[in-house]
N, C-alpha and C. Protein backbone atom coordinates (compact mmCIF):
# COMPACT_ATOMS: atom_id res chain seq x y z
N MET A 1 8.95 7.55 -22.16
CA MET A 1 9.69 9.13 -22.43
C MET A 1 10.97 9.16 -22.11
N ASP A 2 11.77 9.81 -23.16
CA ASP A 2 13.38 10.25 -23.13
C ASP A 2 13.41 11.96 -22.83
N LEU A 3 13.30 11.98 -21.87
CA LEU A 3 13.35 13.42 -21.96
C LEU A 3 14.87 13.74 -21.11
N THR A 4 15.08 15.31 -21.30
CA THR A 4 16.24 15.59 -20.73
C THR A 4 16.00 15.97 -19.24
N GLY A 5 17.33 15.87 -18.79
CA GLY A 5 17.14 15.86 -17.24
C GLY A 5 16.43 17.00 -16.72
N PRO A 6 15.98 18.05 -16.73
CA PRO A 6 15.98 19.33 -15.72
C PRO A 6 13.94 19.53 -16.34
N ILE A 7 14.10 18.94 -17.92
CA ILE A 7 12.43 19.23 -18.17
C ILE A 7 11.96 17.80 -17.39
N HIS A 8 13.08 16.40 -17.21
CA HIS A 8 12.01 15.29 -16.96
C HIS A 8 12.14 15.68 -15.06
N ASP A 9 13.13 16.58 -14.35
CA ASP A 9 12.93 16.82 -12.69
C ASP A 9 11.89 17.46 -12.83
N ILE A 10 11.18 18.80 -14.30
CA ILE A 10 9.86 19.68 -13.48
C ILE A 10 9.11 19.11 -13.68
N LEU A 11 9.07 17.84 -14.44
CA LEU A 11 7.55 17.15 -14.54
C LEU A 11 7.67 16.11 -13.21
N VAL A 12 8.48 15.73 -12.82
CA VAL A 12 8.42 14.67 -11.65
C VAL A 12 7.69 15.69 -10.62
N VAL A 13 8.55 17.06 -10.48
CA VAL A 13 7.91 17.70 -9.46
C VAL A 13 6.74 18.10 -9.20
N PHE A 14 6.37 18.26 -10.72
CA PHE A 14 5.16 18.89 -11.02
C PHE A 14 3.86 18.02 -10.66
N LEU A 15 4.07 16.63 -11.03
CA LEU A 15 3.19 15.55 -10.99
C LEU A 15 3.15 15.20 -9.36
N GLY A 16 4.47 15.17 -9.03
CA GLY A 16 4.21 14.80 -7.25
C GLY A 16 3.26 16.11 -6.64
N LEU A 17 3.70 17.09 -6.73
CA LEU A 17 2.90 18.31 -6.23
C LEU A 17 1.19 17.94 -6.47
N ALA A 18 1.00 17.57 -7.51
CA ALA A 18 -0.34 17.35 -7.72
C ALA A 18 -1.01 16.15 -7.23
N LEU A 19 0.28 14.97 -7.45
CA LEU A 19 -0.57 13.59 -6.70
C LEU A 19 -0.76 14.21 -4.72
N ILE A 20 0.28 15.20 -4.70
CA ILE A 20 0.08 15.55 -2.90
C ILE A 20 -1.30 16.16 -2.53
N LEU A 21 -1.65 17.34 -4.10
CA LEU A 21 -2.85 18.14 -3.54
C LEU A 21 -4.16 16.93 -3.95
N GLY A 22 -4.04 16.19 -5.12
CA GLY A 22 -5.22 15.58 -5.24
C GLY A 22 -5.49 14.46 -3.79
N GLY A 23 -4.18 14.03 -3.25
CA GLY A 23 -4.45 13.46 -2.22
C GLY A 23 -5.01 14.21 -0.90
N LEU A 24 -4.62 15.17 -0.70
CA LEU A 24 -5.34 15.92 0.20
C LEU A 24 -6.63 16.47 0.11
N GLY A 25 -7.03 16.26 -1.72
CA GLY A 25 -8.49 17.00 -1.53
C GLY A 25 -9.59 15.14 -1.55
N VAL A 26 -8.54 14.65 -1.78
CA VAL A 26 -9.52 12.96 -1.38
C VAL A 26 -9.53 13.07 0.15
N VAL A 27 -8.67 13.02 1.01
CA VAL A 27 -9.15 13.32 2.40
C VAL A 27 -9.70 14.45 2.68
N LEU A 28 -9.67 15.56 2.67
CA LEU A 28 -10.15 16.65 3.45
C LEU A 28 -11.21 17.00 2.58
N VAL A 29 -11.72 17.07 1.35
CA VAL A 29 -13.04 17.47 1.08
C VAL A 29 -14.44 16.65 1.52
N THR A 30 -15.84 17.39 2.24
CA THR A 30 -16.00 16.84 2.84
C THR A 30 -17.35 16.29 1.81
N ASN A 31 -17.08 16.87 0.53
CA ASN A 31 -18.61 16.47 -0.42
C ASN A 31 -17.42 14.72 -0.81
N PRO A 32 -18.66 13.96 -0.48
CA PRO A 32 -17.99 12.28 -1.55
C PRO A 32 -17.65 12.82 -2.96
N ILE A 33 -18.41 13.24 -3.59
CA ILE A 33 -18.60 12.98 -4.92
C ILE A 33 -17.08 13.59 -5.47
N TYR A 34 -16.78 15.09 -5.16
CA TYR A 34 -16.06 15.95 -5.42
C TYR A 34 -14.60 14.57 -4.60
N SER A 35 -14.36 14.37 -3.37
CA SER A 35 -13.59 13.58 -3.38
C SER A 35 -13.04 11.87 -3.84
N ALA A 36 -14.21 11.91 -4.43
CA ALA A 36 -14.15 10.53 -5.48
C ALA A 36 -13.79 11.13 -6.69
N PHE A 37 -14.04 12.12 -7.29
CA PHE A 37 -13.44 12.98 -8.57
C PHE A 37 -11.84 13.13 -8.37
N SER A 38 -11.74 13.51 -7.39
CA SER A 38 -10.18 14.05 -7.09
C SER A 38 -9.19 12.90 -6.92
N LEU A 39 -9.79 11.64 -6.19
CA LEU A 39 -9.11 10.23 -6.31
C LEU A 39 -8.89 9.93 -7.77
N GLY A 40 -10.16 10.29 -9.07
CA GLY A 40 -9.60 10.20 -10.19
C GLY A 40 -8.67 10.51 -10.21
N LEU A 41 -8.58 12.25 -10.14
CA LEU A 41 -7.32 12.59 -10.71
C LEU A 41 -5.89 12.29 -10.19
N VAL A 42 -5.87 11.70 -8.99
CA VAL A 42 -4.90 11.45 -8.66
C VAL A 42 -4.51 10.30 -9.61
N LEU A 43 -5.79 9.05 -9.55
CA LEU A 43 -4.94 7.88 -10.39
C LEU A 43 -4.62 8.56 -11.49
N VAL A 44 -4.64 9.19 -12.34
CA VAL A 44 -4.62 9.78 -14.12
C VAL A 44 -3.19 10.38 -13.47
N PHE A 45 -2.54 10.97 -12.40
CA PHE A 45 -1.80 11.41 -12.36
C PHE A 45 -0.58 10.32 -12.01
N ILE A 46 -0.70 9.15 -11.26
CA ILE A 46 0.07 8.24 -11.19
C ILE A 46 0.08 7.29 -12.66
N SER A 47 -0.74 7.30 -13.51
CA SER A 47 -0.85 6.98 -14.43
C SER A 47 0.78 7.62 -15.60
N LEU A 48 0.49 9.15 -15.30
CA LEU A 48 1.32 9.89 -15.69
C LEU A 48 2.78 9.13 -15.64
N PHE A 49 3.16 9.31 -14.17
CA PHE A 49 4.06 8.81 -13.56
C PHE A 49 4.78 7.44 -14.29
N TYR A 50 4.40 6.53 -14.50
CA TYR A 50 4.35 5.47 -14.98
C TYR A 50 4.74 5.74 -16.49
N ILE A 51 4.30 6.95 -17.39
CA ILE A 51 4.76 7.38 -18.62
C ILE A 51 5.88 7.60 -18.66
N LEU A 52 6.26 8.61 -18.11
CA LEU A 52 7.68 9.36 -17.50
C LEU A 52 8.65 8.20 -17.66
N LEU A 53 7.87 6.99 -16.61
CA LEU A 53 9.21 5.87 -15.98
C LEU A 53 9.60 4.80 -17.41
N ASN A 54 9.02 5.02 -18.66
CA ASN A 54 8.14 4.43 -19.68
C ASN A 54 8.03 2.47 -19.37
N SER A 55 7.02 3.32 -18.88
CA SER A 55 6.24 2.03 -18.37
C SER A 55 4.80 1.94 -19.35
N TYR A 56 4.55 2.10 -20.61
CA TYR A 56 3.51 2.32 -21.19
C TYR A 56 2.13 1.21 -20.84
N PHE A 57 2.79 -0.17 -20.64
CA PHE A 57 1.90 -0.87 -20.39
C PHE A 57 0.76 -1.13 -19.32
N VAL A 58 1.93 -0.40 -18.10
CA VAL A 58 1.83 -0.40 -16.61
C VAL A 58 0.84 1.06 -16.70
N ALA A 59 0.90 1.99 -16.86
CA ALA A 59 0.25 3.33 -17.60
C ALA A 59 -1.20 2.98 -18.04
N ALA A 60 -1.32 2.02 -19.18
CA ALA A 60 -2.64 2.05 -19.66
C ALA A 60 -3.31 0.81 -19.26
N ALA A 61 -2.55 -0.20 -18.31
CA ALA A 61 -3.46 -0.90 -17.16
C ALA A 61 -3.80 0.46 -16.14
N GLN A 62 -2.97 1.09 -15.39
CA GLN A 62 -3.42 2.02 -14.82
C GLN A 62 -5.13 3.02 -14.60
N LEU A 63 -4.91 3.48 -16.32
CA LEU A 63 -5.60 4.11 -16.77
C LEU A 63 -7.43 3.18 -17.05
N LEU A 64 -6.93 2.23 -17.57
CA LEU A 64 -8.02 1.20 -17.53
C LEU A 64 -9.14 1.08 -16.67
N ILE A 65 -7.80 -0.08 -15.69
CA ILE A 65 -8.73 -0.51 -14.59
C ILE A 65 -8.88 0.23 -13.72
N TYR A 66 -7.76 1.17 -13.08
CA TYR A 66 -8.18 1.89 -12.21
C TYR A 66 -9.24 2.87 -12.24
N VAL A 67 -8.90 4.37 -13.19
CA VAL A 67 -9.71 5.42 -13.66
C VAL A 67 -11.06 5.05 -14.42
N GLY A 68 -10.93 3.59 -15.75
CA GLY A 68 -11.77 3.53 -16.03
C GLY A 68 -13.37 2.59 -15.19
N ALA A 69 -12.86 1.58 -14.74
CA ALA A 69 -13.33 0.95 -13.98
C ALA A 69 -13.56 1.25 -12.71
N ILE A 70 -12.24 1.34 -11.87
CA ILE A 70 -12.69 1.10 -10.22
C ILE A 70 -13.25 2.41 -9.82
N ASN A 71 -12.82 4.01 -10.01
CA ASN A 71 -12.77 5.13 -9.72
C ASN A 71 -14.72 5.27 -10.42
N VAL A 72 -14.83 4.77 -11.53
CA VAL A 72 -16.14 5.21 -11.82
C VAL A 72 -17.16 4.43 -10.79
N LEU A 73 -17.13 3.08 -10.61
CA LEU A 73 -17.33 2.14 -10.03
C LEU A 73 -17.53 3.09 -8.73
N ILE A 74 -16.34 3.71 -7.81
CA ILE A 74 -16.32 4.30 -6.73
C ILE A 74 -17.74 5.66 -6.77
N ILE A 75 -17.92 6.19 -8.04
CA ILE A 75 -18.76 7.74 -8.33
C ILE A 75 -19.91 7.48 -8.08
N PHE A 76 -19.84 5.95 -8.96
CA PHE A 76 -21.84 5.66 -9.06
C PHE A 76 -22.07 4.81 -7.86
N ALA A 77 -21.49 4.44 -6.61
CA ALA A 77 -21.94 4.05 -5.63
C ALA A 77 -22.07 4.89 -4.79
N VAL A 78 -21.35 6.37 -4.14
CA VAL A 78 -21.31 7.37 -3.86
C VAL A 78 -22.73 8.13 -4.29
N MET A 79 -23.08 7.97 -5.59
CA MET A 79 -23.79 9.22 -6.36
C MET A 79 -25.43 7.76 -5.39
N PHE A 80 -25.10 6.67 -5.19
CA PHE A 80 -26.41 6.48 -5.01
C PHE A 80 -26.61 6.53 -3.57
N MET A 81 -25.77 6.75 -2.67
CA MET A 81 -26.00 7.23 -1.06
C MET A 81 -26.88 8.03 -1.00
N LYS A 82 -27.17 8.65 0.04
CA LYS A 82 -27.52 9.48 0.33
C LYS A 82 -26.78 10.55 1.06
N GLY A 83 -26.76 11.87 0.48
CA GLY A 83 -26.33 12.93 0.67
C GLY A 83 -26.18 13.45 2.43
N SER A 84 -27.50 13.07 3.07
CA SER A 84 -27.88 14.19 4.17
C SER A 84 -26.92 14.05 5.36
N GLU A 85 -26.72 12.21 5.36
CA GLU A 85 -25.76 11.51 6.35
C GLU A 85 -24.34 12.84 6.80
N TYR A 86 -24.06 12.82 5.90
CA TYR A 86 -22.74 13.38 6.14
C TYR A 86 -22.76 14.94 6.46
N SER A 87 -23.87 15.72 6.21
CA SER A 87 -24.25 16.78 6.44
C SER A 87 -24.52 17.23 7.58
N THR A 88 -25.50 16.26 8.51
CA THR A 88 -25.80 16.14 9.59
C THR A 88 -24.99 15.83 10.71
N ASP A 89 -24.12 14.86 10.52
CA ASP A 89 -23.43 14.13 11.68
C ASP A 89 -21.89 14.49 11.46
N LEU A 90 -22.45 15.22 12.91
CA LEU A 90 -20.44 15.99 13.20
C LEU A 90 -19.80 15.23 14.43
N HIS A 91 -19.21 14.14 14.22
CA HIS A 91 -18.20 14.03 15.62
C HIS A 91 -17.25 14.47 15.12
N LEU A 92 -16.67 14.96 16.26
CA LEU A 92 -15.66 15.67 15.87
C LEU A 92 -14.08 13.99 16.39
N TRP A 93 -14.32 13.42 16.83
CA TRP A 93 -12.65 12.31 17.08
C TRP A 93 -14.06 10.85 17.43
N THR A 94 -14.00 9.47 17.01
CA THR A 94 -14.40 8.45 17.30
C THR A 94 -13.51 7.77 17.58
N VAL A 95 -13.48 6.36 18.11
CA VAL A 95 -12.89 5.20 18.31
C VAL A 95 -12.09 4.75 16.80
N GLY A 96 -12.93 4.65 15.59
CA GLY A 96 -12.58 4.18 14.55
C GLY A 96 -11.32 5.19 14.07
N ASP A 97 -11.46 6.98 14.38
CA ASP A 97 -10.47 8.12 13.95
C ASP A 97 -9.31 7.54 14.75
N GLY A 98 -9.08 7.24 15.78
CA GLY A 98 -8.11 6.99 16.61
C GLY A 98 -7.19 5.52 16.37
N VAL A 99 -7.99 4.99 15.93
CA VAL A 99 -7.73 3.58 15.21
C VAL A 99 -6.87 3.32 14.27
N THR A 100 -7.43 4.48 12.96
CA THR A 100 -7.06 4.79 11.79
C THR A 100 -6.07 5.27 11.79
N SER A 101 -5.64 6.25 12.69
CA SER A 101 -4.29 7.64 12.46
C SER A 101 -3.42 6.39 13.37
N LEU A 102 -3.89 5.88 14.00
CA LEU A 102 -2.60 5.15 15.15
C LEU A 102 -2.27 4.39 13.72
N ILE A 103 -3.13 3.47 13.25
CA ILE A 103 -2.27 2.57 11.79
C ILE A 103 -1.59 3.75 10.84
N CYS A 104 -2.28 4.28 10.63
CA CYS A 104 -1.82 5.00 9.24
C CYS A 104 -0.33 5.65 9.63
N THR A 105 -0.05 6.24 11.09
CA THR A 105 1.33 6.87 11.27
C THR A 105 2.19 5.59 11.84
N SER A 106 1.82 4.69 11.86
CA SER A 106 2.93 3.07 12.27
C SER A 106 3.34 3.14 10.76
N ILE A 107 2.29 3.22 9.97
CA ILE A 107 3.01 2.79 8.20
C ILE A 107 3.58 3.89 7.97
N LEU A 108 3.31 4.94 8.44
CA LEU A 108 4.28 6.29 7.80
C LEU A 108 5.86 6.05 8.64
N PHE A 109 5.90 5.59 10.02
CA PHE A 109 6.85 5.53 10.19
C PHE A 109 7.83 4.29 9.86
N SER A 110 6.97 3.29 9.77
CA SER A 110 7.71 2.15 9.16
C SER A 110 8.18 2.56 7.48
N LEU A 111 7.63 3.10 6.69
CA LEU A 111 7.95 3.57 5.88
C LEU A 111 9.12 4.73 5.97
N THR A 112 9.54 5.51 6.27
CA THR A 112 10.22 6.42 6.17
C THR A 112 11.64 5.82 7.12
N THR A 113 11.60 4.67 7.57
CA THR A 113 12.61 3.90 8.17
C THR A 113 12.85 3.06 7.77
N THR A 114 12.31 2.06 6.63
CA THR A 114 13.19 1.38 5.36
C THR A 114 13.06 2.01 4.35
N ILE A 115 12.45 3.27 3.65
CA ILE A 115 12.75 3.31 2.32
C ILE A 115 14.04 3.77 1.89
N PRO A 116 14.66 4.77 3.33
CA PRO A 116 16.12 5.28 3.21
C PRO A 116 17.06 4.22 3.13
N ASP A 117 16.85 3.04 3.88
CA ASP A 117 17.95 1.91 4.01
C ASP A 117 17.69 0.67 2.99
N THR A 118 16.56 1.20 1.96
CA THR A 118 16.69 -0.39 0.84
C THR A 118 17.61 1.30 -0.39
N SER A 119 18.21 -0.32 -1.04
CA SER A 119 18.68 -0.25 -1.95
C SER A 119 18.22 -0.47 -3.50
N TRP A 120 18.37 1.02 -4.11
CA TRP A 120 17.25 1.19 -4.87
C TRP A 120 18.54 1.41 -6.41
N TYR A 121 19.22 0.85 -6.18
CA TYR A 121 20.31 0.60 -7.46
C TYR A 121 20.22 -0.90 -8.01
N GLY A 122 19.48 -1.70 -7.57
CA GLY A 122 19.39 -2.59 -8.19
C GLY A 122 18.40 -2.85 -9.14
N ILE A 123 17.86 -1.68 -9.70
CA ILE A 123 16.29 -1.82 -9.89
C ILE A 123 16.79 -1.60 -11.40
N ILE A 124 16.38 -1.92 -12.39
CA ILE A 124 16.91 -2.11 -13.87
C ILE A 124 15.72 -1.23 -14.75
N TRP A 125 15.87 -0.11 -15.23
CA TRP A 125 14.78 0.57 -16.00
C TRP A 125 15.39 -0.14 -17.08
N THR A 126 14.16 -0.78 -18.19
CA THR A 126 14.41 -0.64 -19.72
C THR A 126 14.28 0.03 -20.39
N THR A 127 14.60 0.82 -21.43
CA THR A 127 14.05 1.39 -22.40
C THR A 127 13.65 0.77 -23.80
N LYS A 128 12.65 1.42 -24.81
CA LYS A 128 12.69 0.43 -25.80
C LYS A 128 12.55 1.87 -26.60
N SER A 129 13.61 0.95 -27.92
CA SER A 129 13.30 2.71 -29.02
C SER A 129 11.39 2.46 -29.50
N ASN A 130 11.25 3.63 -30.47
CA ASN A 130 10.15 3.75 -31.01
C ASN A 130 9.75 2.54 -32.04
N HIS A 131 10.70 1.64 -31.96
CA HIS A 131 10.08 0.93 -32.96
C HIS A 131 10.25 -0.59 -32.41
N ILE A 132 8.86 -1.07 -31.57
CA ILE A 132 9.13 -2.23 -30.79
C ILE A 132 8.31 -3.37 -31.87
N ILE A 133 8.71 -4.09 -32.01
CA ILE A 133 7.93 -5.38 -33.01
C ILE A 133 7.08 -5.99 -31.89
N GLU A 134 6.16 -6.96 -32.20
CA GLU A 134 4.96 -7.60 -32.18
C GLU A 134 5.48 -8.78 -30.33
N GLN A 135 6.39 -9.38 -31.20
CA GLN A 135 7.34 -10.35 -30.22
C GLN A 135 7.79 -9.22 -28.75
N ASP A 136 8.65 -8.38 -29.01
CA ASP A 136 9.35 -7.51 -27.66
C ASP A 136 8.10 -7.41 -26.92
N LEU A 137 6.83 -7.39 -27.45
CA LEU A 137 5.75 -6.64 -26.87
C LEU A 137 5.32 -7.46 -25.77
N ILE A 138 5.09 -9.05 -26.48
CA ILE A 138 5.06 -10.14 -25.63
C ILE A 138 5.58 -10.57 -24.55
N SER A 139 7.04 -10.74 -24.90
CA SER A 139 7.49 -11.14 -24.07
C SER A 139 7.83 -9.80 -22.91
N ASN A 140 7.83 -8.58 -23.03
CA ASN A 140 7.47 -7.26 -22.00
C ASN A 140 6.13 -8.08 -21.65
N VAL A 141 4.96 -8.16 -21.70
CA VAL A 141 3.77 -8.80 -20.95
C VAL A 141 3.97 -10.14 -20.26
N GLN A 142 4.74 -11.21 -20.56
CA GLN A 142 4.87 -12.38 -20.24
C GLN A 142 5.92 -11.90 -18.81
N GLN A 143 6.73 -11.04 -18.86
CA GLN A 143 8.00 -10.37 -18.26
C GLN A 143 7.20 -10.09 -16.99
N ILE A 144 6.46 -9.06 -17.31
CA ILE A 144 5.16 -8.82 -16.32
C ILE A 144 4.81 -9.64 -15.49
N GLY A 145 4.28 -10.21 -16.14
CA GLY A 145 3.48 -11.55 -15.41
C GLY A 145 4.56 -12.62 -14.86
N ILE A 146 5.33 -13.14 -14.96
CA ILE A 146 6.23 -13.97 -14.16
C ILE A 146 7.22 -13.05 -13.19
N HIS A 147 7.17 -11.61 -13.06
CA HIS A 147 7.53 -10.83 -12.37
C HIS A 147 6.28 -10.42 -10.12
N LEU A 148 5.06 -10.48 -11.36
CA LEU A 148 3.94 -10.59 -10.55
C LEU A 148 3.78 -11.83 -9.79
N SER A 149 3.80 -13.30 -10.48
CA SER A 149 3.77 -14.41 -9.67
C SER A 149 4.95 -14.89 -9.21
N THR A 150 6.52 -14.48 -9.16
CA THR A 150 7.48 -14.60 -8.08
C THR A 150 8.24 -13.91 -7.39
N ASP A 151 8.67 -12.47 -8.07
CA ASP A 151 9.39 -11.67 -7.15
C ASP A 151 8.12 -10.55 -6.26
N PHE A 152 7.05 -10.25 -7.00
CA PHE A 152 6.04 -9.17 -6.34
C PHE A 152 5.21 -10.33 -6.62
N PHE A 153 5.24 -11.61 -5.63
CA PHE A 153 3.68 -12.15 -5.11
C PHE A 153 3.36 -11.81 -4.24
N LEU A 154 4.32 -11.29 -2.88
CA LEU A 154 3.44 -11.16 -1.59
C LEU A 154 3.12 -9.82 -1.87
N PRO A 155 3.58 -8.50 -2.24
CA PRO A 155 2.96 -7.26 -2.59
C PRO A 155 1.32 -7.74 -3.62
N PHE A 156 1.29 -8.20 -4.30
CA PHE A 156 0.52 -8.29 -5.30
C PHE A 156 -0.75 -9.12 -4.52
N GLU A 157 -0.56 -10.34 -3.55
CA GLU A 157 -1.60 -10.82 -2.46
C GLU A 157 -1.91 -9.87 -1.60
N LEU A 158 -0.97 -9.20 -1.08
CA LEU A 158 -1.55 -7.73 -0.37
C LEU A 158 -2.77 -7.04 -0.52
N ILE A 159 -2.08 -6.61 -1.74
CA ILE A 159 -3.16 -5.56 -2.37
C ILE A 159 -4.10 -6.13 -2.39
N SER A 160 -4.50 -7.18 -3.35
CA SER A 160 -5.59 -8.02 -3.86
C SER A 160 -6.39 -8.06 -2.40
N ILE A 161 -5.81 -8.19 -0.86
CA ILE A 161 -6.13 -8.60 0.57
C ILE A 161 -7.06 -7.04 1.06
N ILE A 162 -6.16 -6.08 0.61
CA ILE A 162 -6.49 -4.76 1.37
C ILE A 162 -8.19 -4.44 -0.15
N LEU A 163 -8.29 -4.51 -1.25
CA LEU A 163 -9.39 -4.57 -2.34
C LEU A 163 -10.43 -5.39 -1.79
N LEU A 164 -10.14 -6.66 -0.96
CA LEU A 164 -11.34 -7.64 -0.33
C LEU A 164 -11.75 -6.60 0.66
N VAL A 165 -10.93 -6.46 1.36
CA VAL A 165 -11.25 -5.52 3.03
C VAL A 165 -12.10 -4.33 2.31
N ALA A 166 -11.57 -3.66 1.65
CA ALA A 166 -12.42 -2.48 0.80
C ALA A 166 -14.21 -2.67 0.43
N LEU A 167 -13.76 -3.91 0.07
CA LEU A 167 -15.05 -4.28 -0.94
C LEU A 167 -16.39 -4.84 0.12
N ILE A 168 -15.75 -5.84 1.32
CA ILE A 168 -16.49 -5.65 2.30
C ILE A 168 -16.98 -4.61 3.08
N GLY A 169 -15.65 -4.06 3.61
CA GLY A 169 -16.57 -2.52 4.18
C GLY A 169 -17.43 -2.05 3.49
N ALA A 170 -17.10 -1.81 1.75
CA ALA A 170 -18.25 -0.95 1.39
C ALA A 170 -19.96 -1.94 0.98
N ILE A 171 -19.58 -3.25 1.99
CA ILE A 171 -21.05 -3.96 1.30
C ILE A 171 -21.88 -3.57 2.93
N THR A 172 -20.83 -3.80 3.81
CA THR A 172 -21.87 -3.45 4.90
C THR A 172 -21.96 -2.14 5.42
N MET A 173 -21.09 -1.06 4.64
CA MET A 173 -21.44 0.18 4.88
C MET A 173 -22.87 0.93 3.94
N ALA A 174 -23.03 0.11 2.63
CA ALA A 174 -24.22 -0.06 2.02
C ALA A 174 -25.67 -0.58 2.49
N ARG A 175 -25.40 -1.65 3.01
CA ARG A 175 -26.73 -2.55 3.70
C ARG A 175 -27.25 -1.58 5.29
N GLN A 176 -26.42 -0.68 5.65
CA GLN A 176 -26.90 -0.07 6.80
C GLN A 176 -27.65 1.10 6.12
């Protein structure tokens, strides 16, 4: 979307606040169904961010894959679990909570030290006119594939490992 400066800034602030509130809803809501719905809302707002950045293909992929498939799978998995486990089990602090908070704090610290030192001026944002022909669309999709297999190979593989660990964790939780 080619928007003027103030409108674009207002939308970025609105989407950022919505992402923060949705993320807090995912973490703080005790009912897992509402937490899964909040996660779906966060994923929709992330796709709206991609639309603001003129990345329509990535926004469509975000909606189709994450909201349409993964979040629906999470909601179905949560709906098949017993809800009585969450209301009767009130542990205030466990060893897993300590390890998780330590890992999350270290990741937050590393991100807050790395992001300000990163040169963001080398990133090229391309915008297309409304008259996109099919050849340009194919070349853009091919460029995304080339970047995923060369420049962004390590983050792409790390995300796949994280998803694999989450899947193994969900299987072990379901077996208990």
